[in-house]
Structure formats: C-alpha cells, structure tokens
PDB file of N, CA and C in Angstrom:
ATOM      1  N   MET A   1     114.651  80.741 104.716  1.00  0.00           N
ATOM      2  CA  MET A   1     115.453  82.245 104.092  1.00  0.00           C
ATOM      3  C   MET A   1     114.636  82.795 103.141  1.00  0.00           C
ATOM      4  N   TYR A   2     114.652  83.906 103.402  1.00  0.00           N
ATOM      5  CA  TYR A   2     113.969  84.880 102.185  1.00  0.00           C
ATOM      6  C   TYR A   2     115.035  85.968 101.644  1.00  0.00           C
ATOM      7  N   PHE A   3     115.366  86.014 100.445  1.00  0.00           N
ATOM      8  CA  PHE A   3     116.475  86.386  99.389  1.00  0.00           C
ATOM      9  C   PHE A   3     115.671  87.209  98.171  1.00  0.00           C
ATOM     10  N   LEU A   4     115.872  88.704  98.766  1.00  0.00           N
ATOM     11  CA  LEU A   4     114.914  89.784  97.820  1.00  0.00           C
ATOM     12  C   LEU A   4     113.551  89.285  97.258  1.00  0.00           C
ATOM     13  N   VAL A   5     113.129  88.393  96.364  1.00  0.00           N
ATOM     14  CA  VAL A   5     111.592  88.206  96.624  1.00  0.00           C
ATOM     15  C   VAL A   5     111.370  86.822  96.393  1.00  0.00           C
ATOM     16  N   ILE A   6     112.357  85.839  96.858  1.00  0.00           N
ATOM     17  CA  ILE A   6     112.104  84.621  96.783  1.00  0.00           C
ATOM     18  C   ILE A   6     112.217  84.050  98.310  1.00  0.00           C
ATOM     19  N   ILE A   7     111.718  83.094  98.396  1.00  0.00           N
ATOM     20  CA  ILE A   7     112.017  82.019  99.578  1.00  0.00           C
ATOM     21  C   ILE A   7     112.589  80.873  99.379  1.00  0.00           C
ATOM     22  N   VAL A   8     113.687  80.710 100.235  1.00  0.00           N
ATOM     23  CA  VAL A   8     114.678  79.579  99.776  1.00  0.00           C
ATOM     24  C   VAL A   8     114.469  78.540 100.920  1.00  0.00           C
ATOM     25  N   ALA A   9     113.388  77.354 100.381  1.00  0.00           N
ATOM     26  CA  ALA A   9     112.845  76.429 101.425  1.00  0.00           C
ATOM     27  C   ALA A   9     113.756  75.270 101.128  1.00  0.00           C
ATOM     28  N   ARG A  10     114.589  74.579 102.057  1.00  0.00           N
ATOM     29  CA  ARG A  10     115.366  73.553 101.788  1.00  0.00           C
ATOM     30  C   ARG A  10     114.947  72.421 102.607  1.00  0.00           C
ATOM     31  N   SER A  11     115.255  71.463 102.045  1.00  0.00           N
ATOM     32  CA  SER A  11     115.130  69.941 103.040  1.00  0.00           C
ATOM     33  C   SER A  11     116.173  68.952 102.546  1.00  0.00           C
ATOM     34  N   ASN A  12     115.926  67.886 102.790  1.00  0.00           N
ATOM     35  CA  ASN A  12     116.897  66.681 102.989  1.00  0.00           C
ATOM     36  C   ASN A  12     117.289  66.681 101.685  1.00  0.00           C
ATOM     37  N   ARG A  13     116.442  66.697 100.715  1.00  0.00           N
ATOM     38  CA  ARG A  13     116.296  65.955  99.536  1.00  0.00           C
ATOM     39  C   ARG A  13     116.320  66.901  98.142  1.00  0.00           C
ATOM     40  N   ARG A  14     115.788  68.622  98.602  1.00  0.00           N
ATOM     41  CA  ARG A  14     115.953  69.570  97.704  1.00  0.00           C
ATOM     42  C   ARG A  14     115.977  70.677  98.184  1.00  0.00           C
ATOM     43  N   ILE A  15     115.953  71.655  97.204  1.00  0.00           N
ATOM     44  CA  ILE A  15     116.141  73.107  96.912  1.00  0.00           C
ATOM     45  C   ILE A  15     114.974  73.786  96.714  1.00  0.00           C
ATOM     46  N   THR A  16     114.066  74.266  97.110  1.00  0.00           N
ATOM     47  CA  THR A  16     112.927  74.733  96.304  1.00  0.00           C
ATOM     48  C   THR A  16     112.726  76.683  96.564  1.00  0.00           C
ATOM     49  N   LEU A  17     112.629  77.020  95.657  1.00  0.00           N
ATOM     50  CA  LEU A  17     112.295  78.598  95.396  1.00  0.00           C
ATOM     51  C   LEU A  17     110.976  78.705  95.048  1.00  0.00           C
ATOM     52  N   LEU A  18     110.466  79.752  95.733  1.00  0.00           N
ATOM     53  CA  LEU A  18     108.984  80.263  96.126  1.00  0.00           C
ATOM     54  C   LEU A  18     109.181  81.499  96.025  1.00  0.00           C
ATOM     55  N   GLN A  19     107.791  82.249  95.417  1.00  0.00           N
ATOM     56  CA  GLN A  19     107.707  83.461  95.381  1.00  0.00           C
ATOM     57  C   GLN A  19     106.310  83.487  95.747  1.00  0.00           C
ATOM     58  N   ARG A  20     105.283  82.734  96.429  1.00  0.00           N
ATOM     59  CA  ARG A  20     103.973  82.886  97.047  1.00  0.00           C
ATOM     60  C   ARG A  20     103.797  84.098  98.039  1.00  0.00           C
ATOM     61  N   LYS A  21     104.648  84.298  98.784  1.00  0.00           N
ATOM     62  CA  LYS A  21     104.576  85.467  99.513  1.00  0.00           C
ATOM     63  C   LYS A  21     104.635  86.682  98.788  1.00  0.00           C
ATOM     64  N   TYR A  22     105.632  86.973  97.946  1.00  0.00           N
ATOM     65  CA  TYR A  22     105.791  87.955  97.132  1.00  0.00           C
ATOM     66  C   TYR A  22     104.460  88.348  96.203  1.00  0.00           C
ATOM     67  N   VAL A  23     103.615  87.103  95.679  1.00  0.00           N
ATOM     68  CA  VAL A  23     102.953  87.009  94.509  1.00  0.00           C
ATOM     69  C   VAL A  23     101.706  87.620  95.539  1.00  0.00           C
ATOM     70  N   HIS A  24     101.328  86.900  96.585  1.00  0.00           N
ATOM     71  CA  HIS A  24     100.127  86.988  97.470  1.00  0.00           C
ATOM     72  C   HIS A  24     100.255  88.782  97.523  1.00  0.00           C
ATOM     73  N   ASP A  25     101.461  89.354  97.879  1.00  0.00           N
ATOM     74  CA  ASP A  25     101.715  90.680  98.574  1.00  0.00           C
ATOM     75  C   ASP A  25     101.295  91.629  97.299  1.00  0.00           C
ATOM     76  N   MET A  26     101.783  91.267  96.240  1.00  0.00           N
ATOM     77  CA  MET A  26     101.583  92.283  95.053  1.00  0.00           C
ATOM     78  C   MET A  26      99.854  92.083  94.712  1.00  0.00           C
ATOM     79  N   LEU A  27      99.409  90.690  94.794  1.00  0.00           N
ATOM     80  CA  LEU A  27      97.832  90.945  94.138  1.00  0.00           C
ATOM     81  C   LEU A  27      96.921  91.671  95.176  1.00  0.00           C
ATOM     82  N   SER A  28      97.350  91.618  96.541  1.00  0.00           N
ATOM     83  CA  SER A  28      96.927  92.242  97.639  1.00  0.00           C
ATOM     84  C   SER A  28      96.813  93.774  97.442  1.00  0.00           C
ATOM     85  N   GLU A  29      98.175  94.122  97.035  1.00  0.00           N
ATOM     86  CA  GLU A  29      98.319  95.503  96.796  1.00  0.00           C
ATOM     87  C   GLU A  29      97.815  96.274  95.915  1.00  0.00           C
ATOM     88  N   ALA A  30      97.501  95.204  94.833  1.00  0.00           N
ATOM     89  CA  ALA A  30      96.573  95.513  93.275  1.00  0.00           C
ATOM     90  C   ALA A  30      95.437  95.503  93.463  1.00  0.00           C
ATOM     91  N   CYS A  31      94.575  95.206  94.800  1.00  0.00           N
ATOM     92  CA  CYS A  31      93.483  94.691  95.160  1.00  0.00           C
ATOM     93  C   CYS A  31      92.601  93.912  94.351  1.00  0.00           C
ATOM     94  N   VAL A  32      93.321  92.925  93.898  1.00  0.00           N
ATOM     95  CA  VAL A  32      92.997  91.722  92.908  1.00  0.00           C
ATOM     96  C   VAL A  32      93.052  90.270  93.540  1.00  0.00           C
ATOM     97  N   LEU A  33      93.004  90.388  95.101  1.00  0.00           N
ATOM     98  CA  LEU A  33      93.744  89.151  95.698  1.00  0.00           C
ATOM     99  C   LEU A  33      92.731  87.978  95.528  1.00  0.00           C
ATOM    100  N   GLY A  34      91.292  88.247  95.279  1.00  0.00           N
ATOM    101  CA  GLY A  34      90.543  87.003  94.811  1.00  0.00           C
ATOM    102  C   GLY A  34      90.504  86.755  93.401  1.00  0.00           C
ATOM    103  N   CYS A  35      91.212  87.346  92.401  1.00  0.00           N
ATOM    104  CA  CYS A  35      91.038  87.072  91.165  1.00  0.00           C
ATOM    105  C   CYS A  35      91.380  85.493  91.062  1.00  0.00           C
ATOM    106  N   LYS A  36      90.624  84.913  90.047  1.00  0.00           N
ATOM    107  CA  LYS A  36      90.748  84.203  89.363  1.00  0.00           C
ATOM    108  C   LYS A  36      91.943  83.666  88.292  1.00  0.00           C
ATOM    109  N   ALA A  37      92.591  82.485  88.488  1.00  0.00           N
ATOM    110  CA  ALA A  37      93.890  81.923  87.874  1.00  0.00           C
ATOM    111  C   ALA A  37      93.399  81.653  86.700  1.00  0.00           C
ATOM    112  N   ILE A  38      94.309  82.290  85.413  1.00  0.00           N
ATOM    113  CA  ILE A  38      94.107  82.085  83.867  1.00  0.00           C
ATOM    114  C   ILE A  38      95.247  81.203  83.106  1.00  0.00           C
ATOM    115  N   ASN A  39      95.126  80.687  82.200  1.00  0.00           N
ATOM    116  CA  ASN A  39      96.123  79.989  81.392  1.00  0.00           C
ATOM    117  C   ASN A  39      97.476  81.018  80.758  1.00  0.00           C
ATOM    118  N   THR A  40      96.929  81.866  80.728  1.00  0.00           N
ATOM    119  CA  THR A  40      98.121  82.900  79.909  1.00  0.00           C
ATOM    120  C   THR A  40      97.904  84.202  80.723  1.00  0.00           C
ATOM    121  N   PRO A  41      98.751  85.204  81.063  1.00  0.00           N
ATOM    122  CA  PRO A  41      98.693  86.061  82.080  1.00  0.00           C
ATOM    123  C   PRO A  41      98.033  87.373  81.259  1.00  0.00           C
ATOM    124  N   MET A  42      98.121  87.255  79.753  1.00  0.00           N
ATOM    125  CA  MET A  42      97.683  88.306  79.278  1.00  0.00           C
ATOM    126  C   MET A  42      96.931  87.754  77.513  1.00  0.00           C
ATOM    127  N   LYS A  43      95.946  88.284  77.188  1.00  0.00           N
ATOM    128  CA  LYS A  43      95.229  87.962  75.978  1.00  0.00           C
ATOM    129  C   LYS A  43      96.155  88.122  74.820  1.00  0.00           C
ATOM    130  N   ALA A  44      96.285  87.150  74.370  1.00  0.00           N
ATOM    131  CA  ALA A  44      97.343  86.845  73.197  1.00  0.00           C
ATOM    132  C   ALA A  44      97.085  87.971  71.923  1.00  0.00           C
ATOM    133  N   ASN A  45      95.928  88.611  72.276  1.00  0.00           N
ATOM    134  CA  ASN A  45      95.288  89.497  70.874  1.00  0.00           C
ATOM    135  C   ASN A  45      95.588  90.675  71.449  1.00  0.00           C
ATOM    136  N   ALA A  46      96.189  90.954  72.754  1.00  0.00           N
ATOM    137  CA  ALA A  46      95.880  92.536  73.537  1.00  0.00           C
ATOM    138  C   ALA A  46      96.611  93.233  72.685  1.00  0.00           C
ATOM    139  N   LYS A  47      96.214  94.409  72.044  1.00  0.00           N
ATOM    140  CA  LYS A  47      97.105  95.258  71.107  1.00  0.00           C
ATOM    141  C   LYS A  47      97.089  96.747  72.282  1.00  0.00           C
ATOM    142  N   LEU A  48      98.130  96.831  72.978  1.00  0.00           N
ATOM    143  CA  LEU A  48      97.898  98.211  73.759  1.00  0.00           C
ATOM    144  C   LEU A  48      98.928  99.465  72.814  1.00  0.00           C
ATOM    145  N   GLN A  49      97.935 100.216  72.431  1.00  0.00           N
ATOM    146  CA  GLN A  49      98.628 101.578  71.911  1.00  0.00           C
ATOM    147  C   GLN A  49      99.262 102.697  72.784  1.00  0.00           C
ATOM    148  N   PRO A  50      99.827 103.563  72.707  1.00  0.00           N
ATOM    149  CA  PRO A  50      99.943 104.934  73.603  1.00  0.00           C
ATOM    150  C   PRO A  50      98.347 105.683  73.673  1.00  0.00           C
ATOM    151  N   HIS A  51      98.429 106.295  74.356  1.00  0.00           N
ATOM    152  CA  HIS A  51      97.298 106.796  74.929  1.00  0.00           C
ATOM    153  C   HIS A  51      95.391 106.243  74.181  1.00  0.00           C
ATOM    154  N   GLN A  52      95.405 105.129  74.423  1.00  0.00           N
ATOM    155  CA  GLN A  52      94.494 104.545  74.244  1.00  0.00           C
ATOM    156  C   GLN A  52      93.604 104.145  75.445  1.00  0.00           C
ATOM    157  N   GLY A  53      92.518 105.028  75.343  1.00  0.00           N
ATOM    158  CA  GLY A  53      91.564 104.940  76.338  1.00  0.00           C
ATOM    159  C   GLY A  53      91.654 106.023  77.328  1.00  0.00           C
ATOM    160  N   GLU A  54      90.893 106.072  78.716  1.00  0.00           N
ATOM    161  CA  GLU A  54      91.046 107.349  79.839  1.00  0.00           C
ATOM    162  C   GLU A  54      92.296 106.683  80.425  1.00  0.00           C
ATOM    163  N   ILE A  55      92.821 108.120  81.364  1.00  0.00           N
ATOM    164  CA  ILE A  55      94.073 107.915  82.057  1.00  0.00           C
ATOM    165  C   ILE A  55      93.127 107.352  83.236  1.00  0.00           C
ATOM    166  N   LEU A  56      94.220 106.255  83.740  1.00  0.00           N
ATOM    167  CA  LEU A  56      94.027 106.066  85.217  1.00  0.00           C
ATOM    168  C   LEU A  56      94.047 106.819  86.060  1.00  0.00           C
ATOM    169  N   ASP A  57      93.162 106.676  86.850  1.00  0.00           N
ATOM    170  CA  ASP A  57      93.175 108.108  88.091  1.00  0.00           C
ATOM    171  C   ASP A  57      94.676 107.726  89.084  1.00  0.00           C
ATOM    172  N   ASP A  58      94.822 106.425  89.514  1.00  0.00           N
ATOM    173  CA  ASP A  58      95.841 106.125  90.221  1.00  0.00           C
ATOM    174  C   ASP A  58      97.220 105.636  89.530  1.00  0.00           C
ATOM    175  N   LEU A  59      97.942 106.756  89.385  1.00  0.00           N
ATOM    176  CA  LEU A  59      99.107 106.128  88.069  1.00  0.00           C
ATOM    177  C   LEU A  59     100.098 105.258  88.900  1.00  0.00           C
ATOM    178  N   ASP A  60     100.228 105.991  90.207  1.00  0.00           N
ATOM    179  CA  ASP A  60     100.985 105.193  90.927  1.00  0.00           C
ATOM    180  C   ASP A  60     101.023 103.660  91.009  1.00  0.00           C
ATOM    181  N   ARG A  61      99.845 103.186  91.298  1.00  0.00           N
ATOM    182  CA  ARG A  61      99.360 102.270  91.638  1.00  0.00           C
ATOM    183  C   ARG A  61      99.656 101.238  90.428  1.00  0.00           C
ATOM    184  N   TYR A  62      99.235 101.373  89.293  1.00  0.00           N
ATOM    185  CA  TYR A  62     100.040 101.063  88.172  1.00  0.00           C
ATOM    186  C   TYR A  62     101.162 100.640  88.098  1.00  0.00           C
ATOM    187  N   ARG A  63     102.070 101.965  88.075  1.00  0.00           N
ATOM    188  CA  ARG A  63     103.662 101.971  88.193  1.00  0.00           C
ATOM    189  C   ARG A  63     104.160 100.568  89.124  1.00  0.00           C
ATOM    190  N   GLN A  64     103.369 100.560  90.558  1.00  0.00           N
ATOM    191  CA  GLN A  64     103.968  99.961  91.344  1.00  0.00           C
ATOM    192  C   GLN A  64     103.964  98.835  90.905  1.00  0.00           C
ATOM    193  N   LEU A  65     102.394  98.070  90.292  1.00  0.00           N
ATOM    194  CA  LEU A  65     102.431  96.707  89.735  1.00  0.00           C
ATOM    195  C   LEU A  65     103.514  96.158  88.696  1.00  0.00           C
ATOM    196  N   VAL A  66     103.518  97.064  87.718  1.00  0.00           N
ATOM    197  CA  VAL A  66     104.494  97.141  86.810  1.00  0.00           C
ATOM    198  C   VAL A  66     105.722  96.561  87.137  1.00  0.00           C
ATOM    199  N   ASP A  67     105.974  97.580  87.947  1.00  0.00           N
ATOM    200  CA  ASP A  67     107.395  97.275  88.658  1.00  0.00           C
ATOM    201  C   ASP A  67     107.588  96.191  89.727  1.00  0.00           C
ATOM    202  N   ASN A  68     106.551  95.740  90.080  1.00  0.00           N
ATOM    203  CA  ASN A  68     106.694  94.362  90.745  1.00  0.00           C
ATOM    204  C   ASN A  68     106.645  93.225  90.095  1.00  0.00           C
ATOM    205  N   LEU A  69     106.299  93.012  88.698  1.00  0.00           N
ATOM    206  CA  LEU A  69     106.533  92.312  88.057  1.00  0.00           C
ATOM    207  C   LEU A  69     107.725  92.205  87.180  1.00  0.00           C
ATOM    208  N   ASN A  70     108.423  92.992  87.261  1.00  0.00           N
ATOM    209  CA  ASN A  70     109.644  92.727  86.956  1.00  0.00           C
ATOM    210  C   ASN A  70     110.325  91.662  88.123  1.00  0.00           C
ATOM    211  N   TYR A  71     109.990  91.361  89.266  1.00  0.00           N
ATOM    212  CA  TYR A  71     110.808  90.270  90.036  1.00  0.00           C
ATOM    213  C   TYR A  71     110.158  89.306  90.112  1.00  0.00           C
ATOM    214  N   LEU A  72     109.407  88.774  89.368  1.00  0.00           N
ATOM    215  CA  LEU A  72     108.594  87.488  89.232  1.00  0.00           C
ATOM    216  C   LEU A  72     109.381  86.860  88.324  1.00  0.00           C
ATOM    217  N   ILE A  73     110.162  85.495  88.145  1.00  0.00           N
ATOM    218  CA  ILE A  73     110.753  84.379  87.782  1.00  0.00           C
ATOM    219  C   ILE A  73     110.093  83.563  86.760  1.00  0.00           C
ATOM    220  N   ILE A  74     108.447  84.067  86.838  1.00  0.00           N
ATOM    221  CA  ILE A  74     107.815  83.146  86.085  1.00  0.00           C
ATOM    222  C   ILE A  74     107.897  83.681  84.694  1.00  0.00           C
ATOM    223  N   LEU A  75     108.298  82.631  83.760  1.00  0.00           N
ATOM    224  CA  LEU A  75     108.764  82.838  82.300  1.00  0.00           C
ATOM    225  C   LEU A  75     107.641  83.458  81.499  1.00  0.00           C
ATOM    226  N   ASP A  76     106.531  83.235  81.737  1.00  0.00           N
ATOM    227  CA  ASP A  76     105.392  83.852  80.905  1.00  0.00           C
ATOM    228  C   ASP A  76     104.733  85.038  81.193  1.00  0.00           C
ATOM    229  N   ILE A  77     105.658  85.612  81.988  1.00  0.00           N
ATOM    230  CA  ILE A  77     104.920  86.759  82.504  1.00  0.00           C
ATOM    231  C   ILE A  77     105.775  87.941  81.887  1.00  0.00           C
ATOM    232  N   THR A  78     107.324  87.521  81.264  1.00  0.00           N
ATOM    233  CA  THR A  78     108.166  88.349  80.754  1.00  0.00           C
ATOM    234  C   THR A  78     108.027  89.045  79.821  1.00  0.00           C
ATOM    235  N   PHE A  79     106.958  88.525  78.663  1.00  0.00           N
ATOM    236  CA  PHE A  79     106.571  89.056  77.594  1.00  0.00           C
ATOM    237  C   PHE A  79     105.508  90.239  78.353  1.00  0.00           C
ATOM    238  N   VAL A  80     104.567  89.987  79.131  1.00  0.00           N
ATOM    239  CA  VAL A  80     103.411  91.123  79.570  1.00  0.00           C
ATOM    240  C   VAL A  80     104.126  92.220  80.415  1.00  0.00           C
ATOM    241  N   GLU A  81     105.340  91.975  81.219  1.00  0.00           N
ATOM    242  CA  GLU A  81     106.044  92.855  81.666  1.00  0.00           C
ATOM    243  C   GLU A  81     106.584  93.909  80.439  1.00  0.00           C
ATOM    244  N   SER A  82     107.086  93.491  79.607  1.00  0.00           N
ATOM    245  CA  SER A  82     107.939  94.005  78.361  1.00  0.00           C
ATOM    246  C   SER A  82     106.821  94.923  77.755  1.00  0.00           C
ATOM    247  N   VAL A  83     105.629  94.341  77.561  1.00  0.00           N
ATOM    248  CA  VAL A  83     104.482  95.106  77.359  1.00  0.00           C
ATOM    249  C   VAL A  83     103.942  96.506  77.889  1.00  0.00           C
ATOM    250  N   VAL A  84     103.627  96.302  78.777  1.00  0.00           N
ATOM    251  CA  VAL A  84     103.177  97.302  79.847  1.00  0.00           C
ATOM    252  C   VAL A  84     104.036  98.101  80.501  1.00  0.00           C
ATOM    253  N   SER A  85     105.086  97.630  80.385  1.00  0.00           N
ATOM    254  CA  SER A  85     105.917  99.004  80.921  1.00  0.00           C
ATOM    255  C   SER A  85     106.851  99.690  80.221  1.00  0.00           C
ATOM    256  N   GLN A  86     105.960  99.905  78.700  1.00  0.00           N
ATOM    257  CA  GLN A  86     106.200 100.514  77.991  1.00  0.00           C
ATOM    258  C   GLN A  86     105.247 101.917  78.522  1.00  0.00           C
ATOM    259  N   PHE A  87     104.250 101.775  79.205  1.00  0.00           N
ATOM    260  CA  PHE A  87     103.240 102.797  79.446  1.00  0.00           C
ATOM    261  C   PHE A  87     103.114 103.303  80.874  1.00  0.00           C
ATOM    262  N   LEU A  88     104.174 103.302  81.390  1.00  0.00           N
ATOM    263  CA  LEU A  88     104.483 103.831  82.781  1.00  0.00           C
ATOM    264  C   LEU A  88     104.149 105.205  82.865  1.00  0.00           C
ATOM    265  N   PHE A  89     104.600 106.236  81.866  1.00  0.00           N
ATOM    266  CA  PHE A  89     104.441 107.620  81.643  1.00  0.00           C
ATOM    267  C   PHE A  89     103.002 107.893  82.030  1.00  0.00           C
ATOM    268  N   VAL A  90     102.206 107.216  80.949  1.00  0.00           N
ATOM    269  CA  VAL A  90     100.568 107.881  81.186  1.00  0.00           C
ATOM    270  C   VAL A  90      99.965 106.654  81.472  1.00  0.00           C
ATOM    271  N   PRO A  91      99.638 105.774  82.361  1.00  0.00           N
ATOM    272  CA  PRO A  91      98.905 104.682  82.019  1.00  0.00           C
ATOM    273  C   PRO A  91      97.186 104.688  81.751  1.00  0.00           C
ATOM    274  N   MET A  92      96.685 104.293  81.485  1.00  0.00           N
ATOM    275  CA  MET A  92      95.485 104.067  81.073  1.00  0.00           C
ATOM    276  C   MET A  92      94.761 102.986  81.525  1.00  0.00           C
ATOM    277  N   ILE A  93      93.278 103.274  81.839  1.00  0.00           N
ATOM    278  CA  ILE A  93      92.663 102.024  82.280  1.00  0.00           C
ATOM    279  C   ILE A  93      92.970 100.715  81.289  1.00  0.00           C
ATOM    280  N   THR A  94      92.875 100.964  79.966  1.00  0.00           N
ATOM    281  CA  THR A  94      93.141  99.682  78.990  1.00  0.00           C
ATOM    282  C   THR A  94      94.328  98.855  79.620  1.00  0.00           C
ATOM    283  N   TYR A  95      95.391  99.680  80.169  1.00  0.00           N
ATOM    284  CA  TYR A  95      96.655  99.146  80.443  1.00  0.00           C
ATOM    285  C   TYR A  95      96.755  98.202  81.749  1.00  0.00           C
ATOM    286  N   TRP A  96      95.810  98.917  82.439  1.00  0.00           N
ATOM    287  CA  TRP A  96      95.545  98.707  84.011  1.00  0.00           C
ATOM    288  C   TRP A  96      94.481  96.906  83.806  1.00  0.00           C
ATOM    289  N   ASP A  97      93.495  97.202  82.641  1.00  0.00           N
ATOM    290  CA  ASP A  97      92.927  95.808  82.686  1.00  0.00           C
ATOM    291  C   ASP A  97      93.822  94.861  82.043  1.00  0.00           C
ATOM    292  N   ALA A  98      94.609  95.266  81.414  1.00  0.00           N
ATOM    293  CA  ALA A  98      95.509  94.402  80.664  1.00  0.00           C
ATOM    294  C   ALA A  98      96.891  93.215  81.835  1.00  0.00           C
ATOM    295  N   VAL A  99      96.782  94.108  82.649  1.00  0.00           N
ATOM    296  CA  VAL A  99      97.956  93.672  83.713  1.00  0.00           C
ATOM    297  C   VAL A  99      97.496  92.704  84.734  1.00  0.00           C
ATOM    298  N   VAL A 100      95.885  93.233  84.966  1.00  0.00           N
ATOM    299  CA  VAL A 100      95.253  92.546  86.207  1.00  0.00           C
ATOM    300  C   VAL A 100      94.206  91.462  85.598  1.00  0.00           C
TER     301      VAL A 100
END
C-alpha cells in the first residue's frame, strides 16, 4: 500500500514503512540520482546567508526539491530542510549545492 509518500509493507511479523520510491523519484527529478551517499545530509559548518552567490537558473527546480524534503521522515534531514527553506524566494547556486 502507498500512503502519501510512504510505502507500507506488511508481513506476518511486522509492518515496515519505506520511502525508497519517493527518494528515488526526488533524486531523479533533481538530476542527482547517481550521487554518493554521505553520513550527514549537510555540511555541519555550512553558513547560508541571503543573496549569497549567483542566482540559480532554475528556481522551480530548487523549490520543488526543498518542498519534497518536507515529506521525508528521516530525522537528520529536518535541520537541512529548515535551513534551505528560508531561501525559496531567491535561491542561489550555493543553496542548491548545500541541498544536493
């Protein structure tokens, strides 16, 4: 069963919640499907400021990716989403690099 962005897999012994398809689709839309896994979703010392760097060419692509992050239930991603969502109005290339 697929509920919102979570696949509910049920067996005789347990119920498992998966977001593999959602994450795959999100990475595919962002054109970073082949990216390498890392231990932390954002550099710990990343300091993003308004109007830092050049404006991103594809504003909608950034906004869609940040919106998609809202639906992940991974706790580590909560901090990242709260930081990058502050820059939806004028996303810069630096912010995109922080997200992907």
